[in-house]
Each structure stands twice: as structure tokens, then as C-alpha cells.
Amino acid sequence: MYLLMHAVASRHPYDVEVPAAVWMTALGLPESESSRVSLSTNLTWLESQRLIRSEHRRGRRVSYLLADNGSGETYRHDPRSPEGLDYFKLPYEFWHEGWHLRLSLPGLAVLLIGLSLPAGFLLPQERAAEWYGISRDTVRRGIDQLRGEKLIEFRTATKRAPQSPIGISSERRYKLRPPFAG
């Protein structure tokens, strides 16, 4: 939902004002009271994390993006920002080709991590919690799904490792495939 908000709120004042039925269609949810409650719960959670702020206008909830770091500050989008903020692009194919419906949370997490890194990135599962705040199992399941969907590939490279009993070690270097290849 947060990713979709970023896709829709693409210019100042970075707001989203759509009926619940539109959200449900975009997110692949059935039109039901349960889905409406879920939408409201998710928006309330995003607001509690200070990623959005909401107000009601003409009987509709209007949500405004806030800074991605959860500070509650006003959202600014400037990839050339002097603050050195990092950005990645999520291509519209993500939505048009239904990846938002097909990918599990582990698959989505690994996709977003991969989009934030250059091709040939390392993704050691044992460092997942330290580097990204997710479990090694989540990374493994995400990589497995992306490989099954042919969205990621890897090559294994060996390197010298004097501390290793055999003097070498290997590492996997990952690269996203189209439509997510950079």
C-alpha cells in the first residue's frame, strides 16, 4: 500500500485521495467490509509510523506522504538532494504486470533490497538481520521466489581467503533481471 501511495502521489503536495473501492481494485482485494477495515487499519498503521498523515475531505480520507525515515517531516522528492538521500525506482511494470499481487513479502523484500543496490550485489543471508533487519530465512525464501520467477540471477565468484582452511571462499553476486534490471 505504501509503495502504491508513492506511485500515485508523484508530485507536490504528495497526496492520495481515492475511494476505498479504487484501493481494493489496485491491491487485488475483494470489495468487502473486511477489505475496507483492512485498508483503514493499514493507513492508520502507516500514520502511526509517521510515514503518512491523513485528513478527511468531503467524506474521503486524504493521505499525504511524509519523510521515508519516519521522522514525520514533510516528504521531499529530489534524487539530486544534497543530503545524499538514497532513492530507487520501482518501474510501473511492477503494478502493470501484477508483481504486487504475485510476490510474497520475502520476495518483495529481496526485490526492494536489490533495487537499492548496483548490479552484482552481495546478499549474504547471515548478514540479513544486521544489514536489512530481516531474517536469513526471509532472504532465502525471497531469493528462491525471485529465482523461480526469473527476476534474479547470480554468479558464484571465488576469492582468496587466507583465514579459510582451504585458502579460498566463494560468494554469490546477484543481479536483477528485466523488468527490474537497472
N, C-alpha and C. Protein backbone atom coordinates (compact mmCIF):
# COMPACT_ATOMS: atom_id res chain seq x y z
N MET A 1 0.83 -1.18 0.00
CA MET A 1 0.00 0.00 0.00
C MET A 1 0.88 1.25 0.00
N TYR A 2 1.94 1.21 0.80
CA TYR A 2 2.85 2.35 0.86
C TYR A 2 3.56 2.56 -0.48
N LEU A 3 3.96 1.48 -1.12
CA LEU A 3 4.59 1.60 -2.44
C LEU A 3 3.61 2.18 -3.45
N LEU A 4 2.38 1.74 -3.40
CA LEU A 4 1.37 2.26 -4.31
C LEU A 4 1.13 3.74 -4.06
N MET A 5 1.15 4.14 -2.80
CA MET A 5 1.00 5.57 -2.49
C MET A 5 2.11 6.38 -3.15
N HIS A 6 3.32 5.86 -3.11
CA HIS A 6 4.44 6.57 -3.74
C HIS A 6 4.26 6.64 -5.25
N ALA A 7 3.69 5.61 -5.84
CA ALA A 7 3.46 5.62 -7.29
C ALA A 7 2.40 6.65 -7.67
N VAL A 8 1.39 6.80 -6.83
CA VAL A 8 0.28 7.71 -7.13
C VAL A 8 0.60 9.15 -6.75
N ALA A 9 1.21 9.34 -5.60
CA ALA A 9 1.50 10.69 -5.09
C ALA A 9 2.85 11.15 -5.61
N SER A 10 2.92 11.41 -6.90
CA SER A 10 4.22 11.64 -7.52
C SER A 10 4.61 13.12 -7.64
N ARG A 11 3.77 14.01 -7.16
CA ARG A 11 4.13 15.42 -7.18
C ARG A 11 3.50 16.16 -6.01
N HIS A 12 4.03 17.32 -5.73
CA HIS A 12 3.58 18.13 -4.61
C HIS A 12 2.07 18.36 -4.73
N PRO A 13 1.29 18.18 -3.69
CA PRO A 13 1.63 18.01 -2.28
C PRO A 13 1.79 16.55 -1.85
N TYR A 14 2.04 15.64 -2.79
CA TYR A 14 2.27 14.22 -2.49
C TYR A 14 1.12 13.63 -1.69
N ASP A 15 -0.08 13.81 -2.25
CA ASP A 15 -1.28 13.32 -1.57
C ASP A 15 -2.00 12.29 -2.42
N VAL A 16 -2.81 11.48 -1.73
CA VAL A 16 -3.62 10.46 -2.38
C VAL A 16 -5.04 10.59 -1.84
N GLU A 17 -5.98 10.80 -2.76
CA GLU A 17 -7.39 10.88 -2.38
C GLU A 17 -8.16 10.01 -3.36
N VAL A 18 -8.37 8.77 -2.98
CA VAL A 18 -9.13 7.85 -3.82
C VAL A 18 -10.13 7.08 -2.95
N PRO A 19 -11.25 6.69 -3.53
CA PRO A 19 -12.22 5.90 -2.77
C PRO A 19 -11.64 4.53 -2.39
N ALA A 20 -12.19 3.95 -1.35
CA ALA A 20 -11.74 2.64 -0.89
C ALA A 20 -11.83 1.60 -2.01
N ALA A 21 -12.85 1.68 -2.85
CA ALA A 21 -13.03 0.70 -3.93
C ALA A 21 -11.84 0.74 -4.90
N VAL A 22 -11.28 1.91 -5.12
CA VAL A 22 -10.12 2.03 -6.03
C VAL A 22 -8.90 1.37 -5.39
N TRP A 23 -8.70 1.60 -4.09
CA TRP A 23 -7.61 0.93 -3.38
C TRP A 23 -7.75 -0.58 -3.48
N MET A 24 -8.96 -1.07 -3.25
CA MET A 24 -9.18 -2.52 -3.27
C MET A 24 -8.87 -3.10 -4.64
N THR A 25 -9.31 -2.43 -5.70
CA THR A 25 -9.02 -2.91 -7.05
C THR A 25 -7.52 -2.91 -7.30
N ALA A 26 -6.85 -1.82 -6.95
CA ALA A 26 -5.40 -1.70 -7.20
C ALA A 26 -4.60 -2.74 -6.42
N LEU A 27 -5.08 -3.09 -5.24
CA LEU A 27 -4.36 -4.04 -4.39
C LEU A 27 -4.86 -5.48 -4.56
N GLY A 28 -5.80 -5.68 -5.48
CA GLY A 28 -6.29 -7.03 -5.74
C GLY A 28 -7.14 -7.60 -4.62
N LEU A 29 -7.81 -6.74 -3.88
CA LEU A 29 -8.66 -7.18 -2.77
C LEU A 29 -10.11 -7.24 -3.21
N PRO A 30 -10.88 -8.15 -2.66
CA PRO A 30 -12.31 -8.18 -2.98
C PRO A 30 -12.99 -6.97 -2.36
N GLU A 31 -14.04 -6.49 -2.99
CA GLU A 31 -14.78 -5.37 -2.41
C GLU A 31 -15.67 -5.91 -1.31
N SER A 32 -15.24 -5.70 -0.08
CA SER A 32 -15.98 -6.22 1.07
C SER A 32 -15.71 -5.33 2.28
N GLU A 33 -16.51 -5.52 3.29
CA GLU A 33 -16.31 -4.75 4.53
C GLU A 33 -14.97 -5.12 5.16
N SER A 34 -14.60 -6.38 5.08
CA SER A 34 -13.32 -6.83 5.62
C SER A 34 -12.15 -6.11 4.94
N SER A 35 -12.24 -5.94 3.62
CA SER A 35 -11.18 -5.23 2.89
C SER A 35 -11.14 -3.76 3.28
N ARG A 36 -12.32 -3.15 3.47
CA ARG A 36 -12.36 -1.74 3.90
C ARG A 36 -11.69 -1.57 5.26
N VAL A 37 -11.99 -2.48 6.17
CA VAL A 37 -11.38 -2.43 7.51
C VAL A 37 -9.87 -2.60 7.39
N SER A 38 -9.44 -3.54 6.55
CA SER A 38 -8.01 -3.77 6.36
C SER A 38 -7.32 -2.53 5.80
N LEU A 39 -7.94 -1.88 4.81
CA LEU A 39 -7.38 -0.64 4.25
C LEU A 39 -7.23 0.43 5.33
N SER A 40 -8.28 0.61 6.10
CA SER A 40 -8.26 1.61 7.16
C SER A 40 -7.19 1.29 8.19
N THR A 41 -7.08 0.01 8.56
CA THR A 41 -6.07 -0.42 9.53
C THR A 41 -4.66 -0.15 9.00
N ASN A 42 -4.43 -0.46 7.72
CA ASN A 42 -3.11 -0.23 7.13
C ASN A 42 -2.77 1.25 7.06
N LEU A 43 -3.72 2.08 6.67
CA LEU A 43 -3.47 3.52 6.63
C LEU A 43 -3.20 4.06 8.03
N THR A 44 -3.95 3.58 9.01
CA THR A 44 -3.73 4.01 10.39
C THR A 44 -2.35 3.60 10.88
N TRP A 45 -1.91 2.39 10.51
CA TRP A 45 -0.57 1.94 10.89
C TRP A 45 0.50 2.82 10.23
N LEU A 46 0.35 3.11 8.94
CA LEU A 46 1.32 3.99 8.26
C LEU A 46 1.37 5.36 8.94
N GLU A 47 0.23 5.82 9.37
CA GLU A 47 0.18 7.10 10.07
C GLU A 47 0.88 7.00 11.43
N SER A 48 0.67 5.91 12.15
CA SER A 48 1.32 5.73 13.45
C SER A 48 2.84 5.64 13.32
N GLN A 49 3.32 5.19 12.16
CA GLN A 49 4.76 5.10 11.91
C GLN A 49 5.32 6.41 11.37
N ARG A 50 4.46 7.41 11.26
CA ARG A 50 4.82 8.75 10.78
C ARG A 50 5.35 8.72 9.35
N LEU A 51 4.76 7.84 8.54
CA LEU A 51 5.11 7.77 7.11
C LEU A 51 4.08 8.51 6.27
N ILE A 52 2.89 8.70 6.82
CA ILE A 52 1.85 9.50 6.17
C ILE A 52 1.12 10.29 7.23
N ARG A 53 0.39 11.30 6.80
CA ARG A 53 -0.58 11.96 7.66
C ARG A 53 -1.88 11.99 6.87
N SER A 54 -2.98 11.94 7.58
CA SER A 54 -4.28 11.88 6.91
C SER A 54 -5.20 12.96 7.44
N GLU A 55 -6.14 13.30 6.58
CA GLU A 55 -7.24 14.18 6.97
C GLU A 55 -8.45 13.74 6.17
N HIS A 56 -9.61 14.17 6.59
CA HIS A 56 -10.82 13.84 5.85
C HIS A 56 -11.29 15.08 5.10
N ARG A 57 -11.60 14.85 3.83
CA ARG A 57 -12.07 15.92 2.96
C ARG A 57 -13.26 15.38 2.16
N ARG A 58 -14.38 16.06 2.25
CA ARG A 58 -15.58 15.66 1.51
C ARG A 58 -15.92 14.18 1.76
N GLY A 59 -15.76 13.73 3.01
CA GLY A 59 -16.12 12.36 3.37
C GLY A 59 -15.11 11.31 2.93
N ARG A 60 -13.96 11.75 2.44
CA ARG A 60 -12.93 10.82 1.99
C ARG A 60 -11.64 11.06 2.76
N ARG A 61 -10.92 10.00 2.97
CA ARG A 61 -9.63 10.11 3.64
C ARG A 61 -8.59 10.54 2.60
N VAL A 62 -7.87 11.60 2.91
CA VAL A 62 -6.78 12.08 2.06
C VAL A 62 -5.49 11.83 2.83
N SER A 63 -4.55 11.13 2.18
CA SER A 63 -3.28 10.80 2.84
C SER A 63 -2.15 11.54 2.15
N TYR A 64 -1.25 12.08 2.95
CA TYR A 64 -0.08 12.81 2.45
C TYR A 64 1.17 12.04 2.86
N LEU A 65 2.07 11.86 1.92
CA LEU A 65 3.34 11.22 2.24
C LEU A 65 4.14 12.10 3.17
N LEU A 66 4.84 11.47 4.11
CA LEU A 66 5.81 12.15 4.96
C LEU A 66 7.18 11.55 4.66
N ALA A 67 8.22 12.10 5.25
CA ALA A 67 9.59 11.63 5.00
C ALA A 67 9.69 10.12 5.26
N ASP A 68 10.42 9.43 4.40
CA ASP A 68 10.55 7.97 4.46
C ASP A 68 11.24 7.47 5.72
N ASN A 69 11.92 8.33 6.45
CA ASN A 69 12.66 7.88 7.63
C ASN A 69 11.80 7.84 8.90
N GLY A 70 10.52 8.13 8.77
CA GLY A 70 9.63 8.05 9.93
C GLY A 70 9.75 9.23 10.89
N SER A 71 10.43 10.29 10.46
CA SER A 71 10.59 11.47 11.33
C SER A 71 9.33 12.30 11.43
N GLY A 72 8.39 12.09 10.51
CA GLY A 72 7.18 12.90 10.48
C GLY A 72 7.35 14.20 9.73
N GLU A 73 8.54 14.43 9.20
CA GLU A 73 8.80 15.66 8.44
C GLU A 73 8.11 15.59 7.08
N THR A 74 7.97 16.73 6.45
CA THR A 74 7.36 16.82 5.14
C THR A 74 8.15 16.00 4.13
N TYR A 75 7.44 15.30 3.27
CA TYR A 75 8.10 14.49 2.22
C TYR A 75 8.68 15.41 1.16
N ARG A 76 9.89 15.10 0.75
CA ARG A 76 10.54 15.79 -0.38
C ARG A 76 11.07 14.72 -1.31
N HIS A 77 10.88 14.96 -2.58
CA HIS A 77 11.42 14.02 -3.56
C HIS A 77 12.41 14.78 -4.43
N ASP A 78 13.67 14.50 -4.21
CA ASP A 78 14.71 15.10 -5.04
C ASP A 78 15.90 14.16 -5.04
N PRO A 79 15.99 13.29 -6.05
CA PRO A 79 17.11 12.35 -6.10
C PRO A 79 18.48 13.03 -6.15
N ARG A 80 18.51 14.31 -6.47
CA ARG A 80 19.79 15.03 -6.52
C ARG A 80 20.03 15.79 -5.21
N SER A 81 19.31 15.42 -4.18
CA SER A 81 19.35 16.11 -2.90
C SER A 81 20.77 16.18 -2.34
N PRO A 82 21.16 17.33 -1.81
CA PRO A 82 22.49 17.45 -1.20
C PRO A 82 22.63 16.62 0.08
N GLU A 83 21.51 16.21 0.67
CA GLU A 83 21.58 15.40 1.88
C GLU A 83 22.06 13.99 1.58
N GLY A 84 22.19 13.64 0.30
CA GLY A 84 22.68 12.31 -0.07
C GLY A 84 21.66 11.21 0.18
N LEU A 85 20.38 11.56 0.14
CA LEU A 85 19.35 10.55 0.34
C LEU A 85 19.38 9.53 -0.79
N ASP A 86 19.13 8.27 -0.44
CA ASP A 86 19.13 7.21 -1.44
C ASP A 86 17.73 7.00 -1.98
N TYR A 87 17.65 6.79 -3.29
CA TYR A 87 16.40 6.51 -3.95
C TYR A 87 16.56 5.29 -4.82
N PHE A 88 15.48 4.59 -5.05
CA PHE A 88 15.47 3.56 -6.08
C PHE A 88 14.17 3.73 -6.84
N LYS A 89 14.16 3.24 -8.06
CA LYS A 89 12.97 3.34 -8.88
C LYS A 89 12.29 1.99 -8.94
N LEU A 90 11.02 1.99 -8.71
CA LEU A 90 10.20 0.79 -8.86
C LEU A 90 9.43 1.00 -10.16
N PRO A 91 9.81 0.27 -11.21
CA PRO A 91 9.17 0.50 -12.50
C PRO A 91 7.67 0.23 -12.46
N TYR A 92 6.94 0.94 -13.30
CA TYR A 92 5.49 0.75 -13.33
C TYR A 92 5.10 -0.66 -13.75
N GLU A 93 6.00 -1.41 -14.37
CA GLU A 93 5.73 -2.81 -14.69
C GLU A 93 5.42 -3.61 -13.42
N PHE A 94 5.95 -3.16 -12.29
CA PHE A 94 5.65 -3.82 -11.01
C PHE A 94 4.14 -3.90 -10.82
N TRP A 95 3.45 -2.81 -11.15
CA TRP A 95 2.00 -2.76 -10.99
C TRP A 95 1.30 -3.36 -12.21
N HIS A 96 1.73 -2.93 -13.39
CA HIS A 96 1.05 -3.35 -14.63
C HIS A 96 1.12 -4.86 -14.86
N GLU A 97 2.22 -5.48 -14.48
CA GLU A 97 2.38 -6.91 -14.69
C GLU A 97 1.95 -7.74 -13.47
N GLY A 98 1.41 -7.07 -12.46
CA GLY A 98 0.85 -7.77 -11.31
C GLY A 98 1.85 -8.32 -10.31
N TRP A 99 3.09 -7.83 -10.32
CA TRP A 99 4.08 -8.33 -9.36
C TRP A 99 3.68 -8.00 -7.93
N HIS A 100 2.94 -6.92 -7.72
CA HIS A 100 2.49 -6.56 -6.37
C HIS A 100 1.52 -7.61 -5.82
N LEU A 101 0.90 -8.37 -6.70
CA LEU A 101 -0.01 -9.43 -6.27
C LEU A 101 0.68 -10.78 -6.22
N ARG A 102 1.68 -10.99 -7.06
CA ARG A 102 2.33 -12.30 -7.18
C ARG A 102 3.46 -12.51 -6.18
N LEU A 103 4.15 -11.46 -5.79
CA LEU A 103 5.29 -11.64 -4.90
C LEU A 103 4.86 -11.74 -3.44
N SER A 104 5.47 -12.66 -2.74
CA SER A 104 5.27 -12.77 -1.29
C SER A 104 6.05 -11.64 -0.62
N LEU A 105 5.84 -11.47 0.68
CA LEU A 105 6.62 -10.44 1.39
C LEU A 105 8.12 -10.70 1.32
N PRO A 106 8.61 -11.95 1.47
CA PRO A 106 10.05 -12.18 1.31
C PRO A 106 10.53 -11.82 -0.11
N GLY A 107 9.75 -12.18 -1.13
CA GLY A 107 10.12 -11.85 -2.50
C GLY A 107 10.18 -10.34 -2.70
N LEU A 108 9.19 -9.65 -2.16
CA LEU A 108 9.15 -8.19 -2.27
C LEU A 108 10.32 -7.56 -1.53
N ALA A 109 10.63 -8.06 -0.33
CA ALA A 109 11.74 -7.51 0.45
C ALA A 109 13.05 -7.64 -0.32
N VAL A 110 13.32 -8.81 -0.89
CA VAL A 110 14.57 -9.01 -1.63
C VAL A 110 14.57 -8.16 -2.90
N LEU A 111 13.42 -8.03 -3.57
CA LEU A 111 13.34 -7.18 -4.75
C LEU A 111 13.69 -5.74 -4.40
N LEU A 112 13.12 -5.21 -3.32
CA LEU A 112 13.39 -3.83 -2.93
C LEU A 112 14.85 -3.64 -2.52
N ILE A 113 15.41 -4.62 -1.83
CA ILE A 113 16.83 -4.54 -1.48
C ILE A 113 17.65 -4.51 -2.76
N GLY A 114 17.35 -5.41 -3.69
CA GLY A 114 18.08 -5.46 -4.94
C GLY A 114 17.97 -4.17 -5.75
N LEU A 115 16.79 -3.55 -5.74
CA LEU A 115 16.62 -2.29 -6.46
C LEU A 115 17.45 -1.16 -5.85
N SER A 116 17.78 -1.28 -4.58
CA SER A 116 18.55 -0.22 -3.92
C SER A 116 20.05 -0.40 -4.09
N LEU A 117 20.47 -1.50 -4.73
CA LEU A 117 21.89 -1.82 -4.87
C LEU A 117 22.28 -1.92 -6.34
N PRO A 118 23.56 -1.72 -6.65
CA PRO A 118 24.00 -1.88 -8.04
C PRO A 118 24.03 -3.35 -8.43
N ALA A 119 23.99 -3.60 -9.74
CA ALA A 119 24.09 -4.98 -10.25
C ALA A 119 25.36 -5.61 -9.72
N GLY A 120 25.30 -6.90 -9.45
CA GLY A 120 26.45 -7.60 -8.89
C GLY A 120 26.53 -7.44 -7.38
N PHE A 121 25.38 -7.27 -6.73
CA PHE A 121 25.37 -7.01 -5.29
C PHE A 121 25.50 -8.31 -4.50
N LEU A 122 26.05 -8.16 -3.31
CA LEU A 122 26.14 -9.25 -2.35
C LEU A 122 24.88 -9.25 -1.50
N LEU A 123 24.42 -10.42 -1.13
CA LEU A 123 23.29 -10.53 -0.23
C LEU A 123 23.50 -11.74 0.67
N PRO A 124 24.52 -11.66 1.54
CA PRO A 124 24.80 -12.81 2.42
C PRO A 124 23.68 -12.99 3.44
N GLN A 125 23.10 -14.17 3.42
CA GLN A 125 21.95 -14.43 4.28
C GLN A 125 22.29 -14.27 5.76
N GLU A 126 23.52 -14.60 6.14
CA GLU A 126 23.90 -14.49 7.55
C GLU A 126 24.01 -13.04 8.01
N ARG A 127 24.03 -12.07 7.08
CA ARG A 127 24.12 -10.65 7.45
C ARG A 127 22.77 -9.93 7.28
N ALA A 128 21.73 -10.67 6.90
CA ALA A 128 20.43 -10.06 6.59
C ALA A 128 19.88 -9.24 7.75
N ALA A 129 19.92 -9.80 8.95
CA ALA A 129 19.37 -9.08 10.11
C ALA A 129 20.16 -7.80 10.38
N GLU A 130 21.46 -7.91 10.32
CA GLU A 130 22.33 -6.76 10.60
C GLU A 130 22.20 -5.68 9.53
N TRP A 131 22.17 -6.09 8.27
CA TRP A 131 22.16 -5.12 7.17
C TRP A 131 20.77 -4.60 6.85
N TYR A 132 19.73 -5.46 6.94
CA TYR A 132 18.41 -5.08 6.46
C TYR A 132 17.28 -5.28 7.46
N GLY A 133 17.58 -5.83 8.62
CA GLY A 133 16.55 -6.02 9.64
C GLY A 133 15.56 -7.12 9.33
N ILE A 134 15.96 -8.08 8.50
CA ILE A 134 15.11 -9.23 8.19
C ILE A 134 15.91 -10.51 8.42
N SER A 135 15.22 -11.60 8.58
CA SER A 135 15.90 -12.86 8.90
C SER A 135 16.58 -13.46 7.67
N ARG A 136 17.54 -14.33 7.94
CA ARG A 136 18.22 -15.03 6.84
C ARG A 136 17.23 -15.91 6.09
N ASP A 137 16.25 -16.48 6.81
CA ASP A 137 15.25 -17.31 6.16
C ASP A 137 14.39 -16.47 5.21
N THR A 138 14.06 -15.25 5.60
CA THR A 138 13.30 -14.36 4.73
C THR A 138 14.07 -14.08 3.45
N VAL A 139 15.37 -13.82 3.57
CA VAL A 139 16.20 -13.58 2.39
C VAL A 139 16.23 -14.84 1.52
N ARG A 140 16.42 -15.99 2.12
CA ARG A 140 16.48 -17.22 1.35
C ARG A 140 15.18 -17.45 0.58
N ARG A 141 14.04 -17.30 1.28
CA ARG A 141 12.75 -17.50 0.62
C ARG A 141 12.52 -16.47 -0.47
N GLY A 142 12.95 -15.22 -0.22
CA GLY A 142 12.80 -14.18 -1.24
C GLY A 142 13.63 -14.46 -2.47
N ILE A 143 14.88 -14.86 -2.27
CA ILE A 143 15.74 -15.20 -3.40
C ILE A 143 15.15 -16.38 -4.16
N ASP A 144 14.69 -17.40 -3.43
CA ASP A 144 14.09 -18.57 -4.08
C ASP A 144 12.90 -18.16 -4.95
N GLN A 145 12.04 -17.30 -4.42
CA GLN A 145 10.89 -16.89 -5.22
C GLN A 145 11.32 -16.08 -6.43
N LEU A 146 12.23 -15.13 -6.25
CA LEU A 146 12.67 -14.31 -7.39
C LEU A 146 13.36 -15.17 -8.45
N ARG A 147 14.14 -16.18 -8.02
CA ARG A 147 14.75 -17.10 -8.98
C ARG A 147 13.68 -17.90 -9.71
N GLY A 148 12.68 -18.36 -8.99
CA GLY A 148 11.59 -19.12 -9.61
C GLY A 148 10.81 -18.29 -10.63
N GLU A 149 10.71 -16.99 -10.37
CA GLU A 149 10.02 -16.07 -11.28
C GLU A 149 10.96 -15.53 -12.35
N LYS A 150 12.23 -15.94 -12.30
CA LYS A 150 13.26 -15.49 -13.25
C LYS A 150 13.47 -13.98 -13.20
N LEU A 151 13.41 -13.43 -11.97
CA LEU A 151 13.63 -12.00 -11.77
C LEU A 151 15.00 -11.69 -11.21
N ILE A 152 15.75 -12.74 -10.81
CA ILE A 152 17.08 -12.53 -10.25
C ILE A 152 17.98 -13.67 -10.72
N GLU A 153 19.23 -13.35 -10.91
CA GLU A 153 20.22 -14.38 -11.25
C GLU A 153 21.45 -14.13 -10.40
N PHE A 154 22.30 -15.11 -10.33
CA PHE A 154 23.53 -14.93 -9.58
C PHE A 154 24.67 -15.65 -10.27
N ARG A 155 25.85 -15.22 -9.92
CA ARG A 155 27.06 -15.94 -10.33
C ARG A 155 27.89 -16.12 -9.07
N THR A 156 28.59 -17.22 -9.03
CA THR A 156 29.44 -17.50 -7.88
C THR A 156 30.86 -17.14 -8.24
N ALA A 157 31.49 -16.36 -7.38
CA ALA A 157 32.87 -15.95 -7.59
C ALA A 157 33.71 -16.46 -6.42
N THR A 158 34.91 -16.91 -6.72
CA THR A 158 35.82 -17.32 -5.65
C THR A 158 36.82 -16.20 -5.43
N LYS A 159 37.30 -16.14 -4.22
CA LYS A 159 38.31 -15.13 -3.88
C LYS A 159 39.27 -15.72 -2.85
N ARG A 160 40.41 -15.12 -2.76
CA ARG A 160 41.40 -15.57 -1.77
C ARG A 160 40.89 -15.26 -0.37
N ALA A 161 41.10 -16.20 0.52
CA ALA A 161 40.67 -16.03 1.92
C ALA A 161 41.70 -16.71 2.81
N PRO A 162 42.74 -15.97 3.18
CA PRO A 162 43.81 -16.57 3.97
C PRO A 162 43.34 -17.19 5.28
N GLN A 163 42.24 -16.70 5.84
CA GLN A 163 41.72 -17.24 7.11
C GLN A 163 40.97 -18.55 6.92
N SER A 164 40.61 -18.86 5.68
CA SER A 164 39.86 -20.08 5.39
C SER A 164 40.79 -21.29 5.41
N PRO A 165 40.31 -22.42 5.88
CA PRO A 165 41.15 -23.63 5.91
C PRO A 165 41.68 -24.03 4.53
N ILE A 166 40.93 -23.70 3.47
CA ILE A 166 41.39 -24.07 2.13
C ILE A 166 41.97 -22.88 1.35
N GLY A 167 42.00 -21.71 1.98
CA GLY A 167 42.63 -20.54 1.37
C GLY A 167 41.77 -19.77 0.39
N ILE A 168 40.57 -20.23 0.14
CA ILE A 168 39.64 -19.51 -0.74
C ILE A 168 38.24 -19.55 -0.14
N SER A 169 37.42 -18.66 -0.60
CA SER A 169 35.99 -18.70 -0.25
C SER A 169 35.21 -18.29 -1.50
N SER A 170 33.95 -18.54 -1.46
CA SER A 170 33.12 -18.15 -2.60
C SER A 170 32.00 -17.24 -2.11
N GLU A 171 31.51 -16.42 -3.04
CA GLU A 171 30.40 -15.54 -2.73
C GLU A 171 29.49 -15.46 -3.94
N ARG A 172 28.21 -15.25 -3.68
CA ARG A 172 27.24 -15.09 -4.75
C ARG A 172 27.02 -13.61 -5.01
N ARG A 173 27.08 -13.25 -6.28
CA ARG A 173 26.80 -11.88 -6.72
C ARG A 173 25.49 -11.91 -7.49
N TYR A 174 24.53 -11.11 -7.04
CA TYR A 174 23.19 -11.13 -7.61
C TYR A 174 22.96 -9.97 -8.57
N LYS A 175 22.05 -10.22 -9.50
CA LYS A 175 21.67 -9.19 -10.47
C LYS A 175 20.18 -9.39 -10.76
N LEU A 176 19.43 -8.28 -10.69
CA LEU A 176 18.02 -8.34 -11.04
C LEU A 176 17.88 -8.44 -12.55
N ARG A 177 16.82 -9.08 -12.98
CA ARG A 177 16.55 -9.26 -14.41
C ARG A 177 15.35 -8.37 -14.78
N PRO A 178 15.14 -8.17 -16.07
CA PRO A 178 14.02 -7.34 -16.52
C PRO A 178 12.69 -7.88 -15.98
N PRO A 179 11.79 -6.98 -15.64
CA PRO A 179 11.81 -5.54 -15.89
C PRO A 179 12.49 -4.73 -14.79
N PHE A 180 13.17 -5.38 -13.88
CA PHE A 180 13.76 -4.67 -12.74
C PHE A 180 15.26 -4.43 -12.87
N ALA A 181 15.86 -4.90 -13.93
CA ALA A 181 17.29 -4.68 -14.15
C ALA A 181 17.51 -3.19 -14.37
N GLY A 182 18.57 -2.66 -13.73
CA GLY A 182 18.84 -1.23 -13.83
C GLY A 182 19.70 -0.93 -14.92
